[in-house]
Amino acid sequence: MTKFSVIVPMYNASRTIRKCVESITNQSFKDYEVIFVDDCSVDGSPDIVREYGVKVIRTRRNSGPAAARNLGVRHSKGEIICFTDSDCIVPENWLSVIKGIFDKTGADIVSGMMRNANQKSLVSRFIGYEKNACFSELGANDFFCGTFNTAIKREVFNSVKFDETIRDASYEDVKFAFQIRKLFKCVFSKESCVYHINTDSLKTYAKKHFRKAFGHARLFASGYVIESFGPYSRVFIHRIILSSMLILFLLMSLFNPVFMYTIMFLVPLYILVNRAIIIQAVRNETLLGVFLVVLILFFDGFIVTLGVVTGIISKLVPRSLVS
């Protein structure tokens, strides 16, 4: 049996797919297969992948990354299933490092981190600062499972699969992680690292964080314990809580100016919670760049608050009342 199956879901990924497939097909460890799962792209992404002689399978209809990953697993032959994303670049020793971690730890699931591969714009660098801050909170004993860099033994999928009712790329991996954490031995290692081609678009970033906040809220409303999601998600949750409080007191100050004193306390607290991001900006950006990073942080706070409120409402309010 093949040692590894590398599965990559893709949808209209022509901007990044060439760098992704080139890195995956250039591994120093040779006992592996590669499967790209095309979720009905219309931009020629599958044709680019086929140039490299890589297997491409296609979903019957656009179904989202969860369904694409499950389809890839069904078509795979490897003992260990490795997931990454179509906008990621993996190092040449990626599979060798993962194999070493499995051999050393006896784990069922091995997850790793990501770094920024796009330094062109302030937005892409901000996203990199944000990810660095989150990963700095993670230790060897913490649980984390991001499908941009996770390897899973085949037998795990006999018990748990990705929830195909989650159609977009938002919280399907968080829910999957919660389901497997108590059933299998999960290891997070900073030795395993991929490089993410961050977007340059603030609009794209905002949409992604809205979906992420929406998903966390739905999981919380379903009874999932946020503490179980690990430090990575807890940093995000702290931002959501403080952002919600800032917006609430800002609205209340419109009716009673005394609430401005509370805002004067919450603003520096919000900056303090996000200090790991701001410190990186101070080290790498101009004074204007640092100021813009702080503005993006507050803008992100507004977006995630909207996502949380929408997520809770969508879970708690019956669809019959909404429609």
Protein backbone atom coordinates (compact mmCIF):
# COMPACT_ATOMS: atom_id res chain seq x y z
CA MET A 1 0.00 0.00 0.00
CA THR A 2 1.15 3.53 -0.77
CA LYS A 3 2.44 5.32 2.32
CA PHE A 4 0.85 8.74 1.72
CA SER A 5 -2.09 10.11 -0.25
CA VAL A 6 -1.94 13.89 -0.64
CA ILE A 7 -5.43 15.29 -1.21
CA VAL A 8 -6.06 18.88 -2.31
CA PRO A 9 -9.57 20.29 -2.84
CA MET A 10 -9.69 23.11 -5.36
CA TYR A 11 -12.22 25.56 -6.72
CA ASN A 12 -11.23 28.30 -9.18
CA ALA A 13 -7.67 28.27 -7.87
CA SER A 14 -5.81 29.21 -11.06
CA ARG A 15 -4.04 32.11 -9.28
CA THR A 16 -2.18 29.78 -6.91
CA ILE A 17 -2.57 26.22 -8.16
CA ARG A 18 0.63 26.01 -10.23
CA LYS A 19 2.91 26.79 -7.27
CA CYS A 20 0.90 24.36 -5.15
CA VAL A 21 1.12 21.38 -7.51
CA GLU A 22 4.79 22.04 -8.31
CA SER A 23 5.69 21.87 -4.63
CA ILE A 24 3.64 18.73 -3.95
CA THR A 25 5.11 16.82 -6.90
CA ASN A 26 8.66 17.68 -5.83
CA GLN A 27 8.84 15.77 -2.54
CA SER A 28 12.02 14.10 -1.36
CA PHE A 29 9.93 11.21 0.03
CA LYS A 30 8.75 9.25 -3.01
CA ASP A 31 6.16 6.73 -1.79
CA TYR A 32 3.04 8.84 -2.26
CA GLU A 33 0.17 9.63 -4.58
CA VAL A 34 -1.42 13.01 -5.29
CA ILE A 35 -5.14 13.62 -5.84
CA PHE A 36 -6.61 17.01 -6.65
CA VAL A 37 -10.38 17.18 -6.20
CA ASP A 38 -11.95 19.73 -8.52
CA ASP A 39 -15.16 21.18 -7.06
CA CYS A 40 -16.52 22.21 -10.48
CA SER A 41 -14.01 24.97 -11.25
CA VAL A 42 -14.63 27.20 -14.25
CA ASP A 43 -11.22 28.90 -14.48
CA GLY A 44 -9.07 26.13 -15.95
CA SER A 45 -7.52 25.01 -12.65
CA PRO A 46 -7.85 21.27 -13.47
CA ASP A 47 -6.03 21.73 -16.80
CA ILE A 48 -3.08 23.33 -15.00
CA VAL A 49 -2.87 20.40 -12.58
CA ARG A 50 -3.05 17.83 -15.40
CA GLU A 51 0.01 19.44 -17.03
CA TYR A 52 2.01 17.81 -14.22
CA GLY A 53 0.53 14.35 -14.76
CA VAL A 54 -1.41 14.52 -11.49
CA LYS A 55 -4.71 12.72 -10.93
CA VAL A 56 -7.75 15.01 -10.93
CA ILE A 57 -11.22 13.87 -9.91
CA ARG A 58 -14.33 16.06 -10.08
CA THR A 59 -17.33 16.43 -7.81
CA ARG A 60 -20.73 15.99 -9.49
CA ARG A 61 -21.71 19.51 -8.45
CA ASN A 62 -20.14 22.32 -6.48
CA SER A 63 -20.34 20.90 -2.95
CA GLY A 64 -17.62 22.60 -0.87
CA PRO A 65 -14.25 21.49 0.51
CA ALA A 66 -15.70 19.06 3.06
CA ALA A 67 -17.37 16.95 0.36
CA ALA A 68 -14.30 17.28 -1.87
CA ARG A 69 -12.01 15.93 0.86
CA ASN A 70 -14.33 13.00 1.58
CA LEU A 71 -14.42 12.18 -2.15
CA GLY A 72 -10.64 12.32 -2.30
CA VAL A 73 -10.34 9.93 0.64
CA ARG A 74 -12.65 7.43 -1.08
CA HIS A 75 -10.42 7.47 -4.17
CA SER A 76 -7.14 7.28 -2.26
CA LYS A 77 -4.91 4.28 -1.49
CA GLY A 78 -2.46 5.61 1.10
CA GLU A 79 -1.99 4.48 4.68
CA ILE A 80 -1.91 8.13 5.72
CA ILE A 81 -4.05 10.87 4.18
CA CYS A 82 -2.35 14.29 3.95
CA PHE A 83 -4.40 17.41 3.36
CA THR A 84 -3.30 20.81 2.18
CA ASP A 85 -5.03 23.63 0.30
CA SER A 86 -4.79 24.83 -3.27
CA ASP A 87 -3.29 28.15 -2.14
CA CYS A 88 -0.50 26.50 -0.13
CA ILE A 89 3.11 25.70 -1.02
CA VAL A 90 4.67 22.72 0.77
CA PRO A 91 8.43 22.38 1.34
CA GLU A 92 10.38 19.59 -0.35
CA ASN A 93 10.73 17.64 2.91
CA TRP A 94 7.07 18.03 3.96
CA LEU A 95 6.17 14.34 3.76
CA SER A 96 9.51 13.24 5.24
CA VAL A 97 8.94 15.49 8.26
CA ILE A 98 5.38 14.20 8.70
CA LYS A 99 6.58 10.58 8.53
CA GLY A 100 9.18 11.32 11.20
CA ILE A 101 6.57 12.81 13.52
CA PHE A 102 4.29 9.78 13.10
CA ASP A 103 7.19 7.42 13.78
CA LYS A 104 8.33 9.37 16.83
CA THR A 105 4.94 9.96 18.47
CA GLY A 106 2.73 7.07 17.41
CA ALA A 107 0.00 9.60 16.64
CA ASP A 108 -3.15 9.00 14.62
CA ILE A 109 -3.34 12.61 13.43
CA VAL A 110 -0.44 15.03 12.90
CA SER A 111 -1.11 18.72 12.29
CA GLY A 112 1.31 21.50 11.52
CA MET A 113 1.48 25.25 11.07
CA MET A 114 1.64 27.73 8.20
CA ARG A 115 3.67 30.76 7.25
CA ASN A 116 2.95 33.59 4.84
CA ALA A 117 4.24 33.14 1.27
CA ASN A 118 3.03 36.52 0.01
CA GLN A 119 4.70 39.68 1.26
CA LYS A 120 3.41 41.98 -1.50
CA SER A 121 0.63 43.85 0.28
CA LEU A 122 -0.15 45.12 3.76
CA VAL A 123 -3.27 42.92 3.88
CA SER A 124 -1.33 39.75 3.09
CA ARG A 125 1.34 40.66 5.61
CA PHE A 126 -1.33 41.42 8.24
CA ILE A 127 -2.80 37.93 7.72
CA GLY A 128 0.69 36.52 8.19
CA TYR A 129 1.14 38.44 11.45
CA GLU A 130 -2.23 37.15 12.62
CA LYS A 131 -1.37 33.51 11.87
CA ASN A 132 2.05 33.84 13.50
CA ALA A 133 0.41 35.22 16.64
CA CYS A 134 -2.04 32.34 16.81
CA PHE A 135 0.54 29.62 16.20
CA SER A 136 2.86 31.10 18.81
CA GLU A 137 0.20 30.16 21.38
CA LEU A 138 0.30 26.48 20.42
CA GLY A 139 2.50 23.92 22.15
CA ALA A 140 3.14 20.21 21.62
CA ASN A 141 0.35 19.25 24.03
CA ASP A 142 -2.25 21.54 22.46
CA PHE A 143 -4.77 20.24 20.00
CA PHE A 144 -5.15 21.76 16.58
CA CYS A 145 -6.26 20.44 13.20
CA GLY A 146 -6.09 22.77 10.22
CA THR A 147 -6.69 21.04 6.89
CA PHE A 148 -4.10 23.25 5.20
CA ASN A 149 -1.51 21.01 6.90
CA THR A 150 -2.85 17.85 8.50
CA ALA A 151 -2.05 14.14 8.05
CA ILE A 152 -4.52 11.48 9.21
CA LYS A 153 -4.28 7.69 9.35
CA ARG A 154 -6.77 6.02 7.05
CA GLU A 155 -8.62 4.15 9.81
CA VAL A 156 -9.71 7.46 11.36
CA PHE A 157 -12.13 7.90 8.46
CA ASN A 158 -13.92 4.71 9.47
CA SER A 159 -15.23 6.70 12.46
CA VAL A 160 -15.36 10.35 11.39
CA LYS A 161 -15.80 12.21 8.11
CA PHE A 162 -16.02 15.87 7.16
CA ASP A 163 -19.52 17.30 7.51
CA GLU A 164 -20.72 17.79 3.94
CA THR A 165 -23.63 19.98 5.04
CA ILE A 166 -21.03 22.73 5.58
CA ARG A 167 -20.73 23.94 2.01
CA ASP A 168 -18.14 26.72 2.22
CA ALA A 169 -14.58 26.84 3.53
CA SER A 170 -15.30 28.09 7.02
CA TYR A 171 -15.55 25.80 10.03
CA GLU A 172 -15.76 22.30 8.55
CA ASP A 173 -12.24 21.51 9.79
CA VAL A 174 -13.00 22.89 13.28
CA LYS A 175 -16.02 20.60 13.62
CA PHE A 176 -14.03 17.65 12.28
CA ALA A 177 -11.27 18.39 14.79
CA PHE A 178 -13.70 18.49 17.68
CA GLN A 179 -15.10 15.10 16.68
CA ILE A 180 -11.74 13.33 16.44
CA ARG A 181 -9.95 14.85 19.42
CA LYS A 182 -11.41 12.45 22.00
CA LEU A 183 -11.22 9.35 19.81
CA PHE A 184 -7.65 9.44 18.53
CA LYS A 185 -4.17 10.55 19.46
CA CYS A 186 -3.63 13.99 17.93
CA VAL A 187 -0.27 15.76 17.78
CA PHE A 188 0.53 19.31 16.74
CA SER A 189 4.11 19.95 15.62
CA LYS A 190 5.76 23.17 14.49
CA GLU A 191 8.28 21.01 12.58
CA SER A 192 5.62 20.55 9.89
CA CYS A 193 5.04 23.83 8.09
CA VAL A 194 3.46 24.91 4.81
CA TYR A 195 3.44 28.33 3.19
CA HIS A 196 0.14 30.03 2.45
CA ILE A 197 -0.30 32.46 -0.44
CA ASN A 198 -2.32 35.01 1.50
CA THR A 199 -4.83 37.15 -0.35
CA ASP A 200 -4.10 40.79 -1.14
CA SER A 201 -7.79 41.64 -0.92
CA LEU A 202 -9.25 43.07 2.28
CA LYS A 203 -12.72 42.12 0.98
CA THR A 204 -11.71 38.46 0.57
CA TYR A 205 -10.12 38.41 4.02
CA ALA A 206 -13.25 39.97 5.57
CA LYS A 207 -15.52 37.38 3.92
CA LYS A 208 -13.35 34.55 5.22
CA HIS A 209 -13.34 35.86 8.79
CA PHE A 210 -17.08 36.48 8.68
CA ARG A 211 -17.60 32.81 7.73
CA LYS A 212 -15.17 31.69 10.42
CA ALA A 213 -16.94 33.71 13.14
CA PHE A 214 -20.29 32.50 11.80
CA GLY A 215 -19.11 28.89 12.10
CA HIS A 216 -17.68 29.25 15.61
CA ALA A 217 -20.96 30.78 16.73
CA ARG A 218 -22.99 27.94 15.25
CA LEU A 219 -20.78 25.35 16.93
CA PHE A 220 -21.07 27.15 20.26
CA ALA A 221 -24.85 27.38 19.87
CA SER A 222 -24.86 23.63 19.16
CA GLY A 223 -23.22 22.87 22.48
CA TYR A 224 -19.57 22.63 21.46
CA VAL A 225 -17.18 23.89 24.13
CA ILE A 226 -15.00 26.66 22.72
CA GLU A 227 -12.25 25.86 25.25
CA SER A 228 -11.82 22.51 23.52
CA PHE A 229 -10.80 24.17 20.27
CA GLY A 230 -7.35 25.01 21.64
CA PRO A 231 -5.34 28.25 21.91
CA TYR A 232 -5.60 28.99 18.18
CA SER A 233 -9.37 29.36 18.39
CA ARG A 234 -9.30 30.94 21.85
CA VAL A 235 -7.32 33.91 20.49
CA PHE A 236 -10.03 34.32 17.89
CA ILE A 237 -12.77 33.97 20.53
CA HIS A 238 -11.18 36.66 22.73
CA ARG A 239 -11.21 39.02 19.78
CA ILE A 240 -14.87 38.25 19.14
CA ILE A 241 -15.85 38.95 22.76
CA LEU A 242 -14.00 42.26 22.96
CA SER A 243 -15.20 43.35 19.52
CA SER A 244 -18.81 42.66 20.50
CA MET A 245 -18.40 44.68 23.69
CA LEU A 246 -16.83 47.59 21.80
CA ILE A 247 -19.66 47.75 19.29
CA LEU A 248 -22.30 47.39 22.02
CA PHE A 249 -20.90 50.22 24.14
CA LEU A 250 -20.32 52.37 21.06
CA LEU A 251 -24.02 52.09 20.23
CA MET A 252 -24.98 52.75 23.85
CA SER A 253 -22.79 55.88 23.91
CA LEU A 254 -25.01 57.37 21.22
CA PHE A 255 -27.75 57.57 23.86
CA ASN A 256 -25.58 58.17 26.92
CA PRO A 257 -22.07 59.65 26.54
CA VAL A 258 -20.98 58.11 29.84
CA PHE A 259 -20.40 54.82 28.01
CA MET A 260 -17.50 56.48 26.18
CA TYR A 261 -15.45 55.90 29.35
CA THR A 262 -15.99 52.16 28.95
CA ILE A 263 -14.86 52.39 25.33
CA MET A 264 -11.73 54.24 26.45
CA PHE A 265 -10.96 51.19 28.59
CA LEU A 266 -11.87 48.56 25.99
CA VAL A 267 -9.82 50.04 23.12
CA PRO A 268 -6.42 49.63 24.83
CA LEU A 269 -7.55 46.21 26.13
CA TYR A 270 -8.36 45.17 22.55
CA ILE A 271 -4.92 46.35 21.44
CA LEU A 272 -3.33 44.48 24.37
CA VAL A 273 -5.06 41.21 23.42
CA ASN A 274 -3.79 41.64 19.86
CA ARG A 275 -0.32 42.87 20.87
CA ALA A 276 1.46 39.94 19.18
CA ILE A 277 0.16 41.18 15.82
CA ILE A 278 0.98 44.81 16.52
CA ILE A 279 4.52 43.99 17.71
CA GLN A 280 5.23 42.25 14.40
CA ALA A 281 3.87 45.25 12.54
CA VAL A 282 6.10 47.62 14.53
CA ARG A 283 9.12 45.52 13.58
CA ASN A 284 8.32 45.30 9.87
CA GLU A 285 6.12 48.23 8.82
CA THR A 286 6.39 51.98 8.59
CA LEU A 287 4.54 54.14 11.10
CA LEU A 288 1.69 54.47 8.59
CA GLY A 289 1.70 50.70 8.13
CA VAL A 290 1.39 50.12 11.88
CA PHE A 291 -1.52 52.56 12.02
CA LEU A 292 -3.25 50.73 9.16
CA VAL A 293 -2.69 47.37 10.86
CA VAL A 294 -4.48 48.69 13.96
CA LEU A 295 -7.34 49.91 11.75
CA ILE A 296 -7.61 46.48 10.11
CA LEU A 297 -7.77 44.91 13.57
CA PHE A 298 -10.75 47.06 14.52
CA PHE A 299 -12.38 46.48 11.13
CA ASP A 300 -11.91 42.75 11.65
CA GLY A 301 -13.55 43.09 15.04
CA PHE A 302 -16.63 44.55 13.41
CA ILE A 303 -16.73 41.77 10.81
CA VAL A 304 -16.40 38.91 13.30
CA THR A 305 -19.09 40.43 15.51
CA LEU A 306 -21.46 40.42 12.55
CA GLY A 307 -20.49 36.82 11.88
CA VAL A 308 -21.15 35.76 15.47
CA VAL A 309 -24.54 37.44 15.65
CA THR A 310 -25.59 35.98 12.30
CA GLY A 311 -24.33 32.52 13.23
CA ILE A 312 -26.20 32.39 16.52
CA ILE A 313 -29.41 33.67 14.94
CA SER A 314 -29.16 31.12 12.11
CA LYS A 315 -28.78 28.30 14.62
CA LEU A 316 -31.36 29.33 17.20
CA VAL A 317 -34.13 30.82 15.04
CA PRO A 318 -36.24 28.20 13.18
CA ARG A 319 -35.91 28.42 9.41
CA SER A 320 -39.68 28.70 9.11
CA LEU A 321 -39.53 32.03 10.93
CA VAL A 322 -36.68 33.32 8.76
CA SER A 323 -38.18 32.32 5.42
